[in-house]
Amino acid sequence: MFFSKTTLVTALLSVLQLAAAAPASSEGASSLTARSNSGEFTFYSPGLGACGITSTDSDLVVALAKGMFDAQTPNGNPNNNPLCGKKINASFQGKSVTVTIVDSCPGCAGAGLDLSPTAFSQLADQTLGHVSGTWDFA
């Protein structure tokens, strides 16, 4: 019986040491950065965004789908979202533009993006209204 208790205690201590040595998950967008995303691209007239940054139509900025944005917002304060200020490469039919995240988009589904008019125009004609494109973090 003594051998069984000693073996059990040793095994438990080994497991605890392994758990303590396991790396902690990093905060921020790391879970989002590893893949390419597809979604609808639209455009809007930016102003004061969720990140607390004021932008204009001519700035190369983007509002990220609210679900994706909010998933990274700590303590409910979007100004502290680690995605704020991150760059995204958005692509459509061989054209691409690099934009900065400054806002969230409540009307964007899935991995949709709401681009500034200038950014959208670098991908497609604004008369299209929306296009299906791909994007990833720069």
N, C-alpha and C. Protein backbone atom coordinates (compact mmCIF):
# COMPACT_ATOMS: atom_id res chain seq x y z
N MET A 1 0.81 -1.19 0.00
CA MET A 1 0.00 0.00 0.00
C MET A 1 0.87 1.27 0.00
N PHE A 2 1.98 1.26 0.74
CA PHE A 2 2.87 2.41 0.80
C PHE A 2 3.40 2.75 -0.59
N PHE A 3 3.76 1.74 -1.36
CA PHE A 3 4.28 1.97 -2.71
C PHE A 3 3.23 2.65 -3.59
N SER A 4 1.97 2.28 -3.47
CA SER A 4 0.90 2.86 -4.26
C SER A 4 0.70 4.33 -3.93
N LYS A 5 0.73 4.68 -2.64
CA LYS A 5 0.56 6.08 -2.24
C LYS A 5 1.74 6.92 -2.72
N THR A 6 2.94 6.39 -2.60
CA THR A 6 4.13 7.11 -3.05
C THR A 6 4.08 7.33 -4.56
N THR A 7 3.69 6.31 -5.28
CA THR A 7 3.58 6.42 -6.73
C THR A 7 2.52 7.45 -7.12
N LEU A 8 1.40 7.43 -6.42
CA LEU A 8 0.32 8.37 -6.70
C LEU A 8 0.76 9.81 -6.43
N VAL A 9 1.41 10.04 -5.30
CA VAL A 9 1.89 11.38 -4.95
C VAL A 9 2.91 11.86 -5.97
N THR A 10 3.83 11.00 -6.36
CA THR A 10 4.85 11.36 -7.36
C THR A 10 4.19 11.71 -8.69
N ALA A 11 3.23 10.93 -9.10
CA ALA A 11 2.53 11.19 -10.36
C ALA A 11 1.78 12.52 -10.31
N LEU A 12 1.12 12.80 -9.20
CA LEU A 12 0.40 14.07 -9.06
C LEU A 12 1.35 15.26 -9.09
N LEU A 13 2.48 15.14 -8.41
CA LEU A 13 3.46 16.22 -8.41
C LEU A 13 4.01 16.46 -9.81
N SER A 14 4.22 15.39 -10.56
CA SER A 14 4.72 15.52 -11.93
C SER A 14 3.71 16.26 -12.80
N VAL A 15 2.44 15.91 -12.66
CA VAL A 15 1.39 16.57 -13.43
C VAL A 15 1.32 18.06 -13.07
N LEU A 16 1.41 18.37 -11.78
CA LEU A 16 1.36 19.76 -11.35
C LEU A 16 2.55 20.56 -11.89
N GLN A 17 3.72 19.94 -11.94
CA GLN A 17 4.89 20.63 -12.48
C GLN A 17 4.72 20.90 -13.98
N LEU A 18 4.15 19.94 -14.70
CA LEU A 18 3.90 20.15 -16.12
C LEU A 18 2.90 21.27 -16.35
N ALA A 19 1.86 21.30 -15.54
CA ALA A 19 0.84 22.34 -15.67
C ALA A 19 1.44 23.71 -15.38
N ALA A 20 2.29 23.79 -14.38
CA ALA A 20 2.91 25.07 -14.03
C ALA A 20 3.87 25.53 -15.12
N ALA A 21 4.48 24.60 -15.83
CA ALA A 21 5.45 24.94 -16.87
C ALA A 21 4.80 25.27 -18.21
N ALA A 22 3.51 24.97 -18.36
CA ALA A 22 2.82 25.23 -19.62
C ALA A 22 2.77 26.73 -19.88
N PRO A 23 3.01 27.15 -21.13
CA PRO A 23 2.98 28.58 -21.43
C PRO A 23 1.57 29.14 -21.32
N ALA A 24 1.46 30.33 -20.83
CA ALA A 24 0.17 30.99 -20.73
C ALA A 24 -0.22 31.49 -22.11
N SER A 25 -1.51 31.54 -22.38
CA SER A 25 -1.94 32.05 -23.67
C SER A 25 -1.72 33.55 -23.70
N SER A 26 -1.33 34.05 -24.87
CA SER A 26 -1.08 35.48 -24.99
C SER A 26 -2.40 36.19 -25.22
N GLU A 27 -2.44 37.45 -24.83
CA GLU A 27 -3.64 38.26 -24.99
C GLU A 27 -3.65 38.85 -26.39
N GLY A 28 -4.77 39.42 -26.77
CA GLY A 28 -4.83 40.14 -28.02
C GLY A 28 -5.37 39.32 -29.17
N ALA A 29 -4.90 39.62 -30.34
CA ALA A 29 -5.46 39.06 -31.56
C ALA A 29 -4.78 37.79 -32.02
N SER A 30 -3.99 37.15 -31.18
CA SER A 30 -3.22 36.00 -31.63
C SER A 30 -4.09 34.91 -32.23
N SER A 31 -5.30 34.71 -31.70
CA SER A 31 -6.16 33.67 -32.25
C SER A 31 -6.71 34.07 -33.61
N LEU A 32 -6.70 35.34 -33.92
CA LEU A 32 -7.22 35.80 -35.20
C LEU A 32 -6.15 35.94 -36.27
N THR A 33 -4.89 36.07 -35.86
CA THR A 33 -3.84 36.38 -36.81
C THR A 33 -3.40 35.20 -37.66
N ALA A 34 -3.73 34.00 -37.28
CA ALA A 34 -3.17 32.83 -37.93
C ALA A 34 -3.91 32.42 -39.20
N ARG A 35 -4.97 33.12 -39.58
CA ARG A 35 -5.73 32.65 -40.73
C ARG A 35 -6.18 33.80 -41.62
N SER A 36 -6.52 33.44 -42.83
CA SER A 36 -7.11 34.39 -43.76
C SER A 36 -8.62 34.40 -43.51
N ASN A 37 -9.23 35.54 -43.67
CA ASN A 37 -10.66 35.69 -43.41
C ASN A 37 -11.37 36.11 -44.69
N SER A 38 -12.62 35.71 -44.83
CA SER A 38 -13.45 36.10 -45.96
C SER A 38 -14.70 36.78 -45.44
N GLY A 39 -15.13 37.82 -46.14
CA GLY A 39 -16.34 38.50 -45.71
C GLY A 39 -16.76 39.57 -46.69
N GLU A 40 -17.90 40.19 -46.39
CA GLU A 40 -18.42 41.28 -47.19
C GLU A 40 -17.69 42.56 -46.82
N PHE A 41 -17.26 43.30 -47.83
CA PHE A 41 -16.65 44.61 -47.63
C PHE A 41 -17.66 45.67 -48.04
N THR A 42 -17.90 46.61 -47.17
CA THR A 42 -18.74 47.76 -47.45
C THR A 42 -17.92 49.00 -47.13
N PHE A 43 -18.53 50.17 -47.26
CA PHE A 43 -17.81 51.38 -46.87
C PHE A 43 -18.75 52.29 -46.09
N TYR A 44 -18.15 53.14 -45.28
CA TYR A 44 -18.90 54.07 -44.43
C TYR A 44 -18.09 55.34 -44.27
N SER A 45 -18.73 56.36 -43.77
CA SER A 45 -18.05 57.62 -43.50
C SER A 45 -17.61 57.60 -42.03
N PRO A 46 -16.32 57.37 -41.79
CA PRO A 46 -15.87 57.26 -40.40
C PRO A 46 -15.89 58.61 -39.69
N GLY A 47 -15.86 58.53 -38.41
CA GLY A 47 -15.79 59.71 -37.54
C GLY A 47 -15.03 59.27 -36.30
N LEU A 48 -15.62 59.49 -35.14
CA LEU A 48 -15.04 59.01 -33.89
C LEU A 48 -15.39 57.54 -33.76
N GLY A 49 -14.39 56.66 -33.83
CA GLY A 49 -14.62 55.22 -33.80
C GLY A 49 -14.55 54.63 -32.41
N ALA A 50 -14.85 53.35 -32.33
CA ALA A 50 -14.85 52.63 -31.05
C ALA A 50 -13.49 52.65 -30.37
N CYS A 51 -12.43 52.84 -31.14
CA CYS A 51 -11.08 52.88 -30.56
C CYS A 51 -10.74 54.25 -29.97
N GLY A 52 -11.66 55.21 -30.12
CA GLY A 52 -11.40 56.55 -29.61
C GLY A 52 -10.59 57.40 -30.56
N ILE A 53 -10.51 56.97 -31.82
CA ILE A 53 -9.73 57.67 -32.85
C ILE A 53 -10.70 58.31 -33.84
N THR A 54 -10.49 59.58 -34.15
CA THR A 54 -11.31 60.26 -35.14
C THR A 54 -10.64 60.14 -36.51
N SER A 55 -11.42 59.67 -37.49
CA SER A 55 -10.90 59.45 -38.85
C SER A 55 -11.80 60.15 -39.86
N THR A 56 -11.27 60.32 -41.06
CA THR A 56 -12.03 60.95 -42.15
C THR A 56 -12.18 59.98 -43.31
N ASP A 57 -13.00 60.37 -44.29
CA ASP A 57 -13.23 59.53 -45.47
C ASP A 57 -11.95 59.21 -46.23
N SER A 58 -10.97 60.09 -46.17
CA SER A 58 -9.74 59.89 -46.94
C SER A 58 -8.70 59.03 -46.20
N ASP A 59 -8.93 58.74 -44.93
CA ASP A 59 -8.00 57.89 -44.18
C ASP A 59 -8.17 56.43 -44.57
N LEU A 60 -7.09 55.68 -44.56
CA LEU A 60 -7.15 54.24 -44.87
C LEU A 60 -7.43 53.49 -43.57
N VAL A 61 -8.72 53.46 -43.21
CA VAL A 61 -9.14 52.86 -41.95
C VAL A 61 -10.27 51.86 -42.18
N VAL A 62 -10.54 51.07 -41.14
CA VAL A 62 -11.54 50.03 -41.24
C VAL A 62 -12.25 49.83 -39.90
N ALA A 63 -13.52 49.45 -40.01
CA ALA A 63 -14.29 48.99 -38.86
C ALA A 63 -14.41 47.48 -39.00
N LEU A 64 -13.98 46.77 -37.98
CA LEU A 64 -14.01 45.31 -37.96
C LEU A 64 -15.38 44.84 -37.48
N ALA A 65 -15.86 43.71 -38.01
CA ALA A 65 -17.14 43.16 -37.58
C ALA A 65 -17.23 43.16 -36.05
N LYS A 66 -18.36 43.65 -35.54
CA LYS A 66 -18.54 43.83 -34.09
C LYS A 66 -18.26 42.57 -33.30
N GLY A 67 -18.68 41.41 -33.79
CA GLY A 67 -18.44 40.16 -33.07
C GLY A 67 -16.96 39.87 -32.89
N MET A 68 -16.19 40.08 -33.95
CA MET A 68 -14.74 39.85 -33.87
C MET A 68 -14.07 40.90 -33.00
N PHE A 69 -14.53 42.15 -33.13
CA PHE A 69 -13.95 43.24 -32.36
C PHE A 69 -14.23 43.06 -30.87
N ASP A 70 -15.51 42.83 -30.54
CA ASP A 70 -15.90 42.72 -29.14
C ASP A 70 -15.26 41.53 -28.43
N ALA A 71 -14.97 40.47 -29.17
CA ALA A 71 -14.36 39.28 -28.57
C ALA A 71 -12.98 39.60 -27.99
N GLN A 72 -12.36 40.67 -28.45
CA GLN A 72 -11.03 41.05 -27.98
C GLN A 72 -11.05 42.25 -27.03
N THR A 73 -12.24 42.78 -26.75
CA THR A 73 -12.35 43.98 -25.91
C THR A 73 -12.26 43.62 -24.43
N PRO A 74 -11.23 44.13 -23.73
CA PRO A 74 -11.09 43.82 -22.30
C PRO A 74 -12.00 44.71 -21.45
N ASN A 75 -12.64 44.13 -20.47
CA ASN A 75 -13.46 44.87 -19.50
C ASN A 75 -14.51 45.77 -20.14
N GLY A 76 -14.96 45.44 -21.33
CA GLY A 76 -16.00 46.20 -21.99
C GLY A 76 -15.60 47.59 -22.49
N ASN A 77 -14.32 47.94 -22.42
CA ASN A 77 -13.87 49.25 -22.88
C ASN A 77 -13.21 49.12 -24.24
N PRO A 78 -13.91 49.49 -25.33
CA PRO A 78 -13.34 49.31 -26.67
C PRO A 78 -12.07 50.12 -26.90
N ASN A 79 -11.88 51.21 -26.16
CA ASN A 79 -10.66 52.02 -26.32
C ASN A 79 -9.42 51.22 -25.98
N ASN A 80 -9.56 50.18 -25.15
CA ASN A 80 -8.42 49.35 -24.74
C ASN A 80 -8.29 48.08 -25.56
N ASN A 81 -9.08 47.95 -26.63
CA ASN A 81 -9.03 46.74 -27.45
C ASN A 81 -7.66 46.64 -28.13
N PRO A 82 -6.98 45.49 -27.98
CA PRO A 82 -5.66 45.34 -28.59
C PRO A 82 -5.69 45.34 -30.12
N LEU A 83 -6.88 45.22 -30.72
CA LEU A 83 -6.98 45.28 -32.18
C LEU A 83 -6.89 46.71 -32.69
N CYS A 84 -7.18 47.69 -31.84
CA CYS A 84 -7.12 49.09 -32.24
C CYS A 84 -5.71 49.44 -32.71
N GLY A 85 -5.64 50.01 -33.91
CA GLY A 85 -4.35 50.39 -34.47
C GLY A 85 -3.65 49.29 -35.25
N LYS A 86 -4.16 48.05 -35.18
CA LYS A 86 -3.57 46.96 -35.95
C LYS A 86 -3.90 47.16 -37.43
N LYS A 87 -3.02 46.66 -38.28
CA LYS A 87 -3.19 46.77 -39.73
C LYS A 87 -3.82 45.50 -40.29
N ILE A 88 -4.63 45.69 -41.30
CA ILE A 88 -5.28 44.61 -42.04
C ILE A 88 -4.95 44.79 -43.51
N ASN A 89 -4.64 43.69 -44.19
CA ASN A 89 -4.51 43.68 -45.65
C ASN A 89 -5.81 43.14 -46.22
N ALA A 90 -6.56 43.98 -46.91
CA ALA A 90 -7.82 43.57 -47.52
C ALA A 90 -7.61 43.41 -49.03
N SER A 91 -8.20 42.36 -49.61
CA SER A 91 -8.00 42.07 -51.04
C SER A 91 -9.31 41.75 -51.73
N PHE A 92 -9.40 42.18 -53.00
CA PHE A 92 -10.55 41.89 -53.84
C PHE A 92 -10.09 41.89 -55.29
N GLN A 93 -10.29 40.78 -55.98
CA GLN A 93 -9.98 40.64 -57.41
C GLN A 93 -8.60 41.18 -57.78
N GLY A 94 -7.59 40.75 -57.04
CA GLY A 94 -6.22 41.10 -57.36
C GLY A 94 -5.75 42.46 -56.85
N LYS A 95 -6.64 43.22 -56.28
CA LYS A 95 -6.27 44.52 -55.70
C LYS A 95 -6.22 44.37 -54.19
N SER A 96 -5.36 45.17 -53.55
CA SER A 96 -5.29 45.11 -52.09
C SER A 96 -5.03 46.49 -51.51
N VAL A 97 -5.38 46.63 -50.25
CA VAL A 97 -5.16 47.87 -49.52
C VAL A 97 -4.86 47.50 -48.07
N THR A 98 -3.96 48.25 -47.45
CA THR A 98 -3.66 48.06 -46.04
C THR A 98 -4.36 49.16 -45.26
N VAL A 99 -5.16 48.74 -44.29
CA VAL A 99 -5.96 49.68 -43.50
C VAL A 99 -5.71 49.46 -42.01
N THR A 100 -6.06 50.46 -41.22
CA THR A 100 -5.87 50.42 -39.77
C THR A 100 -7.22 50.28 -39.08
N ILE A 101 -7.32 49.37 -38.11
CA ILE A 101 -8.56 49.18 -37.35
C ILE A 101 -8.76 50.36 -36.40
N VAL A 102 -9.91 51.04 -36.55
CA VAL A 102 -10.24 52.17 -35.68
C VAL A 102 -11.65 52.08 -35.11
N ASP A 103 -12.41 51.06 -35.53
CA ASP A 103 -13.82 51.02 -35.16
C ASP A 103 -14.36 49.60 -35.24
N SER A 104 -15.57 49.42 -34.73
CA SER A 104 -16.28 48.15 -34.89
C SER A 104 -17.49 48.40 -35.79
N CYS A 105 -17.93 47.36 -36.46
CA CYS A 105 -19.04 47.47 -37.40
C CYS A 105 -20.21 46.61 -36.94
N PRO A 106 -21.24 47.22 -36.34
CA PRO A 106 -22.39 46.44 -35.87
C PRO A 106 -23.15 45.74 -36.99
N GLY A 107 -23.12 46.29 -38.20
CA GLY A 107 -23.86 45.71 -39.32
C GLY A 107 -23.08 44.69 -40.13
N CYS A 108 -21.83 44.45 -39.76
CA CYS A 108 -20.99 43.50 -40.51
C CYS A 108 -21.14 42.10 -39.92
N ALA A 109 -21.47 41.15 -40.77
CA ALA A 109 -21.61 39.76 -40.33
C ALA A 109 -20.28 39.03 -40.43
N GLY A 110 -20.09 38.03 -39.59
CA GLY A 110 -18.91 37.17 -39.66
C GLY A 110 -17.62 37.95 -39.62
N ALA A 111 -16.86 37.86 -40.71
CA ALA A 111 -15.56 38.55 -40.81
C ALA A 111 -15.66 39.74 -41.76
N GLY A 112 -16.83 40.36 -41.81
CA GLY A 112 -17.04 41.50 -42.69
C GLY A 112 -16.27 42.73 -42.24
N LEU A 113 -16.00 43.61 -43.20
CA LEU A 113 -15.27 44.85 -42.93
C LEU A 113 -16.06 46.03 -43.49
N ASP A 114 -16.01 47.13 -42.78
CA ASP A 114 -16.55 48.40 -43.24
C ASP A 114 -15.36 49.33 -43.45
N LEU A 115 -15.04 49.61 -44.69
CA LEU A 115 -13.86 50.39 -45.05
C LEU A 115 -14.21 51.86 -45.23
N SER A 116 -13.21 52.71 -45.08
CA SER A 116 -13.40 54.12 -45.43
C SER A 116 -13.63 54.18 -46.94
N PRO A 117 -14.30 55.23 -47.44
CA PRO A 117 -14.52 55.33 -48.88
C PRO A 117 -13.24 55.26 -49.70
N THR A 118 -12.19 55.90 -49.23
CA THR A 118 -10.91 55.88 -49.97
C THR A 118 -10.34 54.47 -50.02
N ALA A 119 -10.42 53.74 -48.91
CA ALA A 119 -9.90 52.36 -48.89
C ALA A 119 -10.74 51.47 -49.81
N PHE A 120 -12.07 51.58 -49.74
CA PHE A 120 -12.94 50.77 -50.59
C PHE A 120 -12.65 51.05 -52.06
N SER A 121 -12.43 52.32 -52.40
CA SER A 121 -12.17 52.70 -53.79
C SER A 121 -10.88 52.10 -54.33
N GLN A 122 -9.95 51.76 -53.46
CA GLN A 122 -8.72 51.11 -53.92
C GLN A 122 -8.96 49.64 -54.27
N LEU A 123 -10.11 49.11 -53.85
CA LEU A 123 -10.45 47.72 -54.15
C LEU A 123 -11.50 47.60 -55.25
N ALA A 124 -12.49 48.49 -55.23
CA ALA A 124 -13.62 48.39 -56.16
C ALA A 124 -14.29 49.75 -56.32
N ASP A 125 -15.12 49.85 -57.35
CA ASP A 125 -15.90 51.06 -57.57
C ASP A 125 -16.98 51.16 -56.49
N GLN A 126 -17.14 52.34 -55.93
CA GLN A 126 -18.12 52.53 -54.86
C GLN A 126 -19.55 52.26 -55.32
N THR A 127 -19.82 52.35 -56.62
CA THR A 127 -21.18 52.09 -57.10
C THR A 127 -21.60 50.64 -56.86
N LEU A 128 -20.63 49.75 -56.64
CA LEU A 128 -20.96 48.36 -56.31
C LEU A 128 -21.59 48.25 -54.92
N GLY A 129 -21.24 49.16 -54.04
CA GLY A 129 -21.81 49.15 -52.69
C GLY A 129 -21.16 48.18 -51.73
N HIS A 130 -20.97 46.96 -52.19
CA HIS A 130 -20.31 45.93 -51.36
C HIS A 130 -19.71 44.88 -52.28
N VAL A 131 -18.66 44.24 -51.78
CA VAL A 131 -18.00 43.15 -52.50
C VAL A 131 -17.60 42.08 -51.50
N SER A 132 -17.40 40.87 -51.97
CA SER A 132 -16.90 39.79 -51.12
C SER A 132 -15.39 39.70 -51.31
N GLY A 133 -14.66 39.87 -50.22
CA GLY A 133 -13.20 39.86 -50.30
C GLY A 133 -12.56 39.02 -49.22
N THR A 134 -11.25 39.05 -49.20
CA THR A 134 -10.49 38.32 -48.18
C THR A 134 -9.58 39.32 -47.47
N TRP A 135 -9.21 38.97 -46.24
CA TRP A 135 -8.30 39.84 -45.50
C TRP A 135 -7.55 39.03 -44.45
N ASP A 136 -6.42 39.59 -44.04
CA ASP A 136 -5.65 39.02 -42.94
C ASP A 136 -4.94 40.15 -42.22
N PHE A 137 -4.43 39.84 -41.04
CA PHE A 137 -3.69 40.85 -40.29
C PHE A 137 -2.32 41.03 -40.92
N ALA A 138 -1.88 42.29 -41.03
CA ALA A 138 -0.59 42.61 -41.64
C ALA A 138 0.55 42.26 -40.69
